[in-house]
Amino acid sequence: MIVGDLGDLHTHARGSDLLITNSRAAPIARDLGIPLLRMGFPIFDRLGNGLRSYIGYRGTTQLLFDLGNLFLESQTQ
């Protein structure tokens, strides 16, 4: 873990398989070609994200499906 800001993230994220952060890192993920799982606050570029839950069995299965879909989507691009 590295504590820093988005500039540090852009520097240290090269070679990563996945970024998990808020919507403000979308340009970094796009620039580096890394899938982005949006979590935290703010998430302003996805509809209905405020209603999403990652708690309990149902939330965990949803998280795993979201991760799987991100990786499937990144392989087709």
PDB file of N, CA and C in Angstrom:
ATOM      1  N   MET A   1       0.844  -1.166   0.000  1.00  0.00           N
ATOM      2  CA  MET A   1       0.000   0.000   0.000  1.00  0.00           C
ATOM      3  C   MET A   1       0.891   1.231   0.000  1.00  0.00           C
ATOM      4  N   ILE A   2       0.495   2.179  -0.816  1.00  0.00           N
ATOM      5  CA  ILE A   2       1.207   3.450  -0.899  1.00  0.00           C
ATOM      6  C   ILE A   2       0.207   4.555  -0.613  1.00  0.00           C
ATOM      7  N   VAL A   3       0.524   5.403   0.346  1.00  0.00           N
ATOM      8  CA  VAL A   3      -0.350   6.527   0.680  1.00  0.00           C
ATOM      9  C   VAL A   3       0.070   7.703  -0.178  1.00  0.00           C
ATOM     10  N   GLY A   4      -0.901   8.295  -0.871  1.00  0.00           N
ATOM     11  CA  GLY A   4      -0.591   9.432  -1.723  1.00  0.00           C
ATOM     12  C   GLY A   4      -1.840   9.968  -2.377  1.00  0.00           C
ATOM     13  N   ASP A   5      -1.642  10.725  -3.442  1.00  0.00           N
ATOM     14  CA  ASP A   5      -2.777  11.292  -4.164  1.00  0.00           C
ATOM     15  C   ASP A   5      -2.875  10.652  -5.550  1.00  0.00           C
ATOM     16  N   LEU A   6      -3.747  11.192  -6.396  1.00  0.00           N
ATOM     17  CA  LEU A   6      -3.957  10.595  -7.710  1.00  0.00           C
ATOM     18  C   LEU A   6      -2.721  10.695  -8.601  1.00  0.00           C
ATOM     19  N   GLY A   7      -1.888  11.688  -8.390  1.00  0.00           N
ATOM     20  CA  GLY A   7      -0.631  11.771  -9.140  1.00  0.00           C
ATOM     21  C   GLY A   7       0.270  10.601  -8.800  1.00  0.00           C
ATOM     22  N   ASP A   8       0.323  10.250  -7.520  1.00  0.00           N
ATOM     23  CA  ASP A   8       1.105   9.087  -7.107  1.00  0.00           C
ATOM     24  C   ASP A   8       0.500   7.803  -7.662  1.00  0.00           C
ATOM     25  N   LEU A   9      -0.824   7.732  -7.695  1.00  0.00           N
ATOM     26  CA  LEU A   9      -1.491   6.554  -8.237  1.00  0.00           C
ATOM     27  C   LEU A   9      -1.117   6.360  -9.703  1.00  0.00           C
ATOM     28  N   HIS A  10      -1.093   7.438 -10.457  1.00  0.00           N
ATOM     29  CA  HIS A  10      -0.740   7.344 -11.871  1.00  0.00           C
ATOM     30  C   HIS A  10       0.686   6.824 -12.043  1.00  0.00           C
ATOM     31  N   THR A  11       1.565   7.229 -11.163  1.00  0.00           N
ATOM     32  CA  THR A  11       2.960   6.786 -11.236  1.00  0.00           C
ATOM     33  C   THR A  11       3.118   5.330 -10.839  1.00  0.00           C
ATOM     34  N   HIS A  12       2.481   4.926  -9.749  1.00  0.00           N
ATOM     35  CA  HIS A  12       2.713   3.598  -9.181  1.00  0.00           C
ATOM     36  C   HIS A  12       1.780   2.517  -9.706  1.00  0.00           C
ATOM     37  N   ALA A  13       0.745   2.871 -10.462  1.00  0.00           N
ATOM     38  CA  ALA A  13      -0.231   1.879 -10.908  1.00  0.00           C
ATOM     39  C   ALA A  13       0.198   1.135 -12.170  1.00  0.00           C
ATOM     40  N   ARG A  14       1.251   1.568 -12.808  1.00  0.00           N
ATOM     41  CA  ARG A  14       1.703   0.887 -14.027  1.00  0.00           C
ATOM     42  C   ARG A  14       1.962  -0.581 -13.737  1.00  0.00           C
ATOM     43  N   GLY A  15       1.421  -1.449 -14.593  1.00  0.00           N
ATOM     44  CA  GLY A  15       1.609  -2.882 -14.425  1.00  0.00           C
ATOM     45  C   GLY A  15       0.578  -3.542 -13.531  1.00  0.00           C
ATOM     46  N   SER A  16      -0.337  -2.771 -12.976  1.00  0.00           N
ATOM     47  CA  SER A  16      -1.391  -3.336 -12.120  1.00  0.00           C
ATOM     48  C   SER A  16      -2.447  -4.022 -12.971  1.00  0.00           C
ATOM     49  N   ASP A  17      -3.137  -4.978 -12.368  1.00  0.00           N
ATOM     50  CA  ASP A  17      -4.214  -5.680 -13.052  1.00  0.00           C
ATOM     51  C   ASP A  17      -5.565  -5.008 -12.851  1.00  0.00           C
ATOM     52  N   LEU A  18      -5.714  -4.239 -11.761  1.00  0.00           N
ATOM     53  CA  LEU A  18      -7.005  -3.662 -11.402  1.00  0.00           C
ATOM     54  C   LEU A  18      -6.800  -2.465 -10.501  1.00  0.00           C
ATOM     55  N   LEU A  19      -7.612  -1.419 -10.719  1.00  0.00           N
ATOM     56  CA  LEU A  19      -7.665  -0.285  -9.802  1.00  0.00           C
ATOM     57  C   LEU A  19      -9.016  -0.302  -9.107  1.00  0.00           C
ATOM     58  N   ILE A  20      -9.009  -0.118  -7.797  1.00  0.00           N
ATOM     59  CA  ILE A  20     -10.245  -0.008  -7.029  1.00  0.00           C
ATOM     60  C   ILE A  20     -10.206   1.346  -6.337  1.00  0.00           C
ATOM     61  N   THR A  21     -10.999   2.269  -6.840  1.00  0.00           N
ATOM     62  CA  THR A  21     -11.038   3.616  -6.284  1.00  0.00           C
ATOM     63  C   THR A  21     -12.289   4.329  -6.814  1.00  0.00           C
ATOM     64  N   ASN A  22     -12.415   5.616  -6.548  1.00  0.00           N
ATOM     65  CA  ASN A  22     -13.607   6.336  -6.967  1.00  0.00           C
ATOM     66  C   ASN A  22     -13.496   6.787  -8.430  1.00  0.00           C
ATOM     67  N   SER A  23     -14.486   7.530  -8.879  1.00  0.00           N
ATOM     68  CA  SER A  23     -14.563   7.933 -10.287  1.00  0.00           C
ATOM     69  C   SER A  23     -13.457   8.878 -10.708  1.00  0.00           C
ATOM     70  N   ARG A  24     -12.814   9.523  -9.778  1.00  0.00           N
ATOM     71  CA  ARG A  24     -11.774  10.484 -10.132  1.00  0.00           C
ATOM     72  C   ARG A  24     -10.542   9.813 -10.754  1.00  0.00           C
ATOM     73  N   ALA A  25     -10.417   8.507 -10.600  1.00  0.00           N
ATOM     74  CA  ALA A  25      -9.281   7.789 -11.183  1.00  0.00           C
ATOM     75  C   ALA A  25      -9.598   7.236 -12.570  1.00  0.00           C
ATOM     76  N   ALA A  26     -10.783   7.495 -13.099  1.00  0.00           N
ATOM     77  CA  ALA A  26     -11.154   6.973 -14.420  1.00  0.00           C
ATOM     78  C   ALA A  26     -10.171   7.407 -15.518  1.00  0.00           C
ATOM     79  N   PRO A  27      -9.738   8.673 -15.564  1.00  0.00           N
ATOM     80  CA  PRO A  27      -8.763   9.042 -16.602  1.00  0.00           C
ATOM     81  C   PRO A  27      -7.432   8.298 -16.458  1.00  0.00           C
ATOM     82  N   ILE A  28      -7.023   8.024 -15.245  1.00  0.00           N
ATOM     83  CA  ILE A  28      -5.775   7.286 -15.011  1.00  0.00           C
ATOM     84  C   ILE A  28      -5.915   5.856 -15.503  1.00  0.00           C
ATOM     85  N   ALA A  29      -7.025   5.211 -15.148  1.00  0.00           N
ATOM     86  CA  ALA A  29      -7.262   3.835 -15.579  1.00  0.00           C
ATOM     87  C   ALA A  29      -7.332   3.753 -17.095  1.00  0.00           C
ATOM     88  N   ARG A  30      -7.993   4.718 -17.710  1.00  0.00           N
ATOM     89  CA  ARG A  30      -8.117   4.745 -19.167  1.00  0.00           C
ATOM     90  C   ARG A  30      -6.745   4.937 -19.816  1.00  0.00           C
ATOM     91  N   ASP A  31      -5.950   5.856 -19.270  1.00  0.00           N
ATOM     92  CA  ASP A  31      -4.621   6.146 -19.808  1.00  0.00           C
ATOM     93  C   ASP A  31      -3.701   4.927 -19.712  1.00  0.00           C
ATOM     94  N   LEU A  32      -3.786   4.199 -18.596  1.00  0.00           N
ATOM     95  CA  LEU A  32      -2.910   3.044 -18.376  1.00  0.00           C
ATOM     96  C   LEU A  32      -3.497   1.747 -18.924  1.00  0.00           C
ATOM     97  N   GLY A  33      -4.761   1.769 -19.349  1.00  0.00           N
ATOM     98  CA  GLY A  33      -5.397   0.561 -19.870  1.00  0.00           C
ATOM     99  C   GLY A  33      -5.678  -0.474 -18.799  1.00  0.00           C
ATOM    100  N   ILE A  34      -6.008  -0.006 -17.592  1.00  0.00           N
ATOM    101  CA  ILE A  34      -6.270  -0.879 -16.452  1.00  0.00           C
ATOM    102  C   ILE A  34      -7.759  -0.821 -16.119  1.00  0.00           C
ATOM    103  N   PRO A  35      -8.414  -1.963 -15.885  1.00  0.00           N
ATOM    104  CA  PRO A  35      -9.822  -1.932 -15.473  1.00  0.00           C
ATOM    105  C   PRO A  35      -9.980  -1.194 -14.138  1.00  0.00           C
ATOM    106  N   LEU A  36     -11.096  -0.484 -13.986  1.00  0.00           N
ATOM    107  CA  LEU A  36     -11.375   0.292 -12.779  1.00  0.00           C
ATOM    108  C   LEU A  36     -12.670  -0.180 -12.149  1.00  0.00           C
ATOM    109  N   LEU A  37     -12.584  -0.613 -10.900  1.00  0.00           N
ATOM    110  CA  LEU A  37     -13.771  -0.913 -10.108  1.00  0.00           C
ATOM    111  C   LEU A  37     -14.018   0.304  -9.238  1.00  0.00           C
ATOM    112  N   ARG A  38     -15.133   0.981  -9.497  1.00  0.00           N
ATOM    113  CA  ARG A  38     -15.430   2.210  -8.760  1.00  0.00           C
ATOM    114  C   ARG A  38     -16.024   1.872  -7.406  1.00  0.00           C
ATOM    115  N   MET A  39     -15.363   2.349  -6.366  1.00  0.00           N
ATOM    116  CA  MET A  39     -15.840   2.183  -4.985  1.00  0.00           C
ATOM    117  C   MET A  39     -15.512   3.454  -4.225  1.00  0.00           C
ATOM    118  N   GLY A  40     -16.265   3.701  -3.186  1.00  0.00           N
ATOM    119  CA  GLY A  40     -16.017   4.879  -2.364  1.00  0.00           C
ATOM    120  C   GLY A  40     -16.839   6.056  -2.829  1.00  0.00           C
ATOM    121  N   PHE A  41     -16.334   7.235  -2.558  1.00  0.00           N
ATOM    122  CA  PHE A  41     -17.054   8.463  -2.877  1.00  0.00           C
ATOM    123  C   PHE A  41     -16.066   9.466  -3.440  1.00  0.00           C
ATOM    124  N   PRO A  42     -16.366  10.161  -4.489  1.00  0.00           N
ATOM    125  CA  PRO A  42     -17.599  10.191  -5.258  1.00  0.00           C
ATOM    126  C   PRO A  42     -17.578   9.214  -6.436  1.00  0.00           C
ATOM    127  N   ILE A  43     -18.744   8.726  -6.770  1.00  0.00           N
ATOM    128  CA  ILE A  43     -18.933   7.967  -8.000  1.00  0.00           C
ATOM    129  C   ILE A  43     -20.017   8.708  -8.773  1.00  0.00           C
ATOM    130  N   PHE A  44     -19.568   9.494  -9.743  1.00  0.00           N
ATOM    131  CA  PHE A  44     -20.481  10.376 -10.464  1.00  0.00           C
ATOM    132  C   PHE A  44     -20.682   9.973 -11.915  1.00  0.00           C
ATOM    133  N   ASP A  45     -20.056   8.907 -12.358  1.00  0.00           N
ATOM    134  CA  ASP A  45     -20.191   8.513 -13.758  1.00  0.00           C
ATOM    135  C   ASP A  45     -20.871   7.153 -13.935  1.00  0.00           C
ATOM    136  N   ARG A  46     -21.619   6.723 -12.944  1.00  0.00           N
ATOM    137  CA  ARG A  46     -22.393   5.478 -13.005  1.00  0.00           C
ATOM    138  C   ARG A  46     -23.768   5.733 -12.402  1.00  0.00           C
ATOM    139  N   LEU A  47     -24.808   5.240 -13.069  1.00  0.00           N
ATOM    140  CA  LEU A  47     -26.168   5.402 -12.564  1.00  0.00           C
ATOM    141  C   LEU A  47     -26.492   4.296 -11.562  1.00  0.00           C
ATOM    142  N   GLY A  48     -27.166   4.639 -10.480  1.00  0.00           N
ATOM    143  CA  GLY A  48     -27.637   3.663  -9.508  1.00  0.00           C
ATOM    144  C   GLY A  48     -26.583   3.127  -8.578  1.00  0.00           C
ATOM    145  N   ASN A  49     -25.387   3.677  -8.622  1.00  0.00           N
ATOM    146  CA  ASN A  49     -24.314   3.129  -7.794  1.00  0.00           C
ATOM    147  C   ASN A  49     -24.560   3.339  -6.303  1.00  0.00           C
ATOM    148  N   GLY A  50     -25.311   4.369  -5.954  1.00  0.00           N
ATOM    149  CA  GLY A  50     -25.622   4.602  -4.550  1.00  0.00           C
ATOM    150  C   GLY A  50     -26.513   3.527  -3.945  1.00  0.00           C
ATOM    151  N   LEU A  51     -27.198   2.778  -4.777  1.00  0.00           N
ATOM    152  CA  LEU A  51     -28.076   1.709  -4.311  1.00  0.00           C
ATOM    153  C   LEU A  51     -27.368   0.356  -4.238  1.00  0.00           C
ATOM    154  N   ARG A  52     -26.143   0.286  -4.719  1.00  0.00           N
ATOM    155  CA  ARG A  52     -25.391  -0.969  -4.755  1.00  0.00           C
ATOM    156  C   ARG A  52     -24.886  -1.314  -3.352  1.00  0.00           C
ATOM    157  N   SER A  53     -24.914  -2.596  -3.024  1.00  0.00           N
ATOM    158  CA  SER A  53     -24.429  -3.053  -1.723  1.00  0.00           C
ATOM    159  C   SER A  53     -23.410  -4.165  -1.921  1.00  0.00           C
ATOM    160  N   TYR A  54     -22.325  -4.097  -1.173  1.00  0.00           N
ATOM    161  CA  TYR A  54     -21.301  -5.140  -1.196  1.00  0.00           C
ATOM    162  C   TYR A  54     -21.211  -5.842   0.154  1.00  0.00           C
ATOM    163  N   ILE A  55     -22.296  -5.844   0.892  1.00  0.00           N
ATOM    164  CA  ILE A  55     -22.321  -6.418   2.240  1.00  0.00           C
ATOM    165  C   ILE A  55     -23.056  -7.748   2.210  1.00  0.00           C
ATOM    166  N   GLY A  56     -22.554  -8.732   2.943  1.00  0.00           N
ATOM    167  CA  GLY A  56     -23.213 -10.030   3.067  1.00  0.00           C
ATOM    168  C   GLY A  56     -22.992 -10.915   1.853  1.00  0.00           C
ATOM    169  N   TYR A  57     -23.718 -12.030   1.834  1.00  0.00           N
ATOM    170  CA  TYR A  57     -23.571 -12.997   0.754  1.00  0.00           C
ATOM    171  C   TYR A  57     -23.952 -12.396  -0.593  1.00  0.00           C
ATOM    172  N   ARG A  58     -25.101 -11.748  -0.645  1.00  0.00           N
ATOM    173  CA  ARG A  58     -25.574 -11.170  -1.903  1.00  0.00           C
ATOM    174  C   ARG A  58     -24.627 -10.082  -2.408  1.00  0.00           C
ATOM    175  N   GLY A  59     -24.122  -9.259  -1.499  1.00  0.00           N
ATOM    176  CA  GLY A  59     -23.183  -8.216  -1.892  1.00  0.00           C
ATOM    177  C   GLY A  59     -21.854  -8.780  -2.358  1.00  0.00           C
ATOM    178  N   THR A  60     -21.397  -9.844  -1.708  1.00  0.00           N
ATOM    179  CA  THR A  60     -20.142 -10.469  -2.109  1.00  0.00           C
ATOM    180  C   THR A  60     -20.254 -11.105  -3.484  1.00  0.00           C
ATOM    181  N   THR A  61     -21.371 -11.782  -3.746  1.00  0.00           N
ATOM    182  CA  THR A  61     -21.540 -12.367  -5.077  1.00  0.00           C
ATOM    183  C   THR A  61     -21.633 -11.275  -6.134  1.00  0.00           C
ATOM    184  N   GLN A  62     -22.283 -10.162  -5.822  1.00  0.00           N
ATOM    185  CA  GLN A  62     -22.346  -9.048  -6.763  1.00  0.00           C
ATOM    186  C   GLN A  62     -20.957  -8.488  -7.039  1.00  0.00           C
ATOM    187  N   LEU A  63     -20.139  -8.343  -5.996  1.00  0.00           N
ATOM    188  CA  LEU A  63     -18.766  -7.861  -6.157  1.00  0.00           C
ATOM    189  C   LEU A  63     -17.968  -8.802  -7.057  1.00  0.00           C
ATOM    190  N   LEU A  64     -18.079 -10.098  -6.849  1.00  0.00           N
ATOM    191  CA  LEU A  64     -17.350 -11.066  -7.671  1.00  0.00           C
ATOM    192  C   LEU A  64     -17.810 -11.012  -9.128  1.00  0.00           C
ATOM    193  N   PHE A  65     -19.119 -10.867  -9.357  1.00  0.00           N
ATOM    194  CA  PHE A  65     -19.612 -10.733 -10.723  1.00  0.00           C
ATOM    195  C   PHE A  65     -19.102  -9.444 -11.360  1.00  0.00           C
ATOM    196  N   ASP A  66     -19.092  -8.352 -10.608  1.00  0.00           N
ATOM    197  CA  ASP A  66     -18.583  -7.080 -11.138  1.00  0.00           C
ATOM    198  C   ASP A  66     -17.111  -7.202 -11.526  1.00  0.00           C
ATOM    199  N   LEU A  67     -16.319  -7.835 -10.659  1.00  0.00           N
ATOM    200  CA  LEU A  67     -14.901  -8.031 -10.961  1.00  0.00           C
ATOM    201  C   LEU A  67     -14.718  -8.914 -12.188  1.00  0.00           C
ATOM    202  N   GLY A  68     -15.453 -10.013 -12.249  1.00  0.00           N
ATOM    203  CA  GLY A  68     -15.363 -10.904 -13.394  1.00  0.00           C
ATOM    204  C   GLY A  68     -15.729 -10.213 -14.690  1.00  0.00           C
ATOM    205  N   ASN A  69     -16.787  -9.415 -14.660  1.00  0.00           N
ATOM    206  CA  ASN A  69     -17.206  -8.687 -15.859  1.00  0.00           C
ATOM    207  C   ASN A  69     -16.175  -7.645 -16.285  1.00  0.00           C
ATOM    208  N   LEU A  70     -15.530  -6.991 -15.311  1.00  0.00           N
ATOM    209  CA  LEU A  70     -14.475  -6.035 -15.650  1.00  0.00           C
ATOM    210  C   LEU A  70     -13.330  -6.728 -16.378  1.00  0.00           C
ATOM    211  N   PHE A  71     -12.914  -7.893 -15.870  1.00  0.00           N
ATOM    212  CA  PHE A  71     -11.814  -8.608 -16.508  1.00  0.00           C
ATOM    213  C   PHE A  71     -12.217  -9.153 -17.874  1.00  0.00           C
ATOM    214  N   LEU A  72     -13.446  -9.636 -18.012  1.00  0.00           N
ATOM    215  CA  LEU A  72     -13.915 -10.091 -19.324  1.00  0.00           C
ATOM    216  C   LEU A  72     -13.957  -8.946 -20.321  1.00  0.00           C
ATOM    217  N   GLU A  73     -14.437  -7.798 -19.870  1.00  0.00           N
ATOM    218  CA  GLU A  73     -14.512  -6.625 -20.740  1.00  0.00           C
ATOM    219  C   GLU A  73     -13.134  -6.150 -21.147  1.00  0.00           C
ATOM    220  N   SER A  74     -12.163  -6.197 -20.246  1.00  0.00           N
ATOM    221  CA  SER A  74     -10.817  -5.718 -20.564  1.00  0.00           C
ATOM    222  C   SER A  74     -10.100  -6.657 -21.532  1.00  0.00           C
ATOM    223  N   GLN A  75     -10.481  -7.927 -21.575  1.00  0.00           N
ATOM    224  CA  GLN A  75      -9.855  -8.864 -22.511  1.00  0.00           C
ATOM    225  C   GLN A  75     -10.337  -8.665 -23.933  1.00  0.00           C
ATOM    226  N   THR A  76     -11.537  -8.139 -24.104  1.00  0.00           N
ATOM    227  CA  THR A  76     -12.093  -7.961 -25.439  1.00  0.00           C
ATOM    228  C   THR A  76     -11.656  -6.653 -26.082  1.00  0.00           C
ATOM    229  N   GLN A  77     -11.053  -5.763 -25.319  1.00  0.00           N
ATOM    230  CA  GLN A  77     -10.658  -4.452 -25.872  1.00  0.00           C
ATOM    231  C   GLN A  77      -9.270  -4.484 -26.432  1.00  0.00           C
TER     232      GLN A  77
END
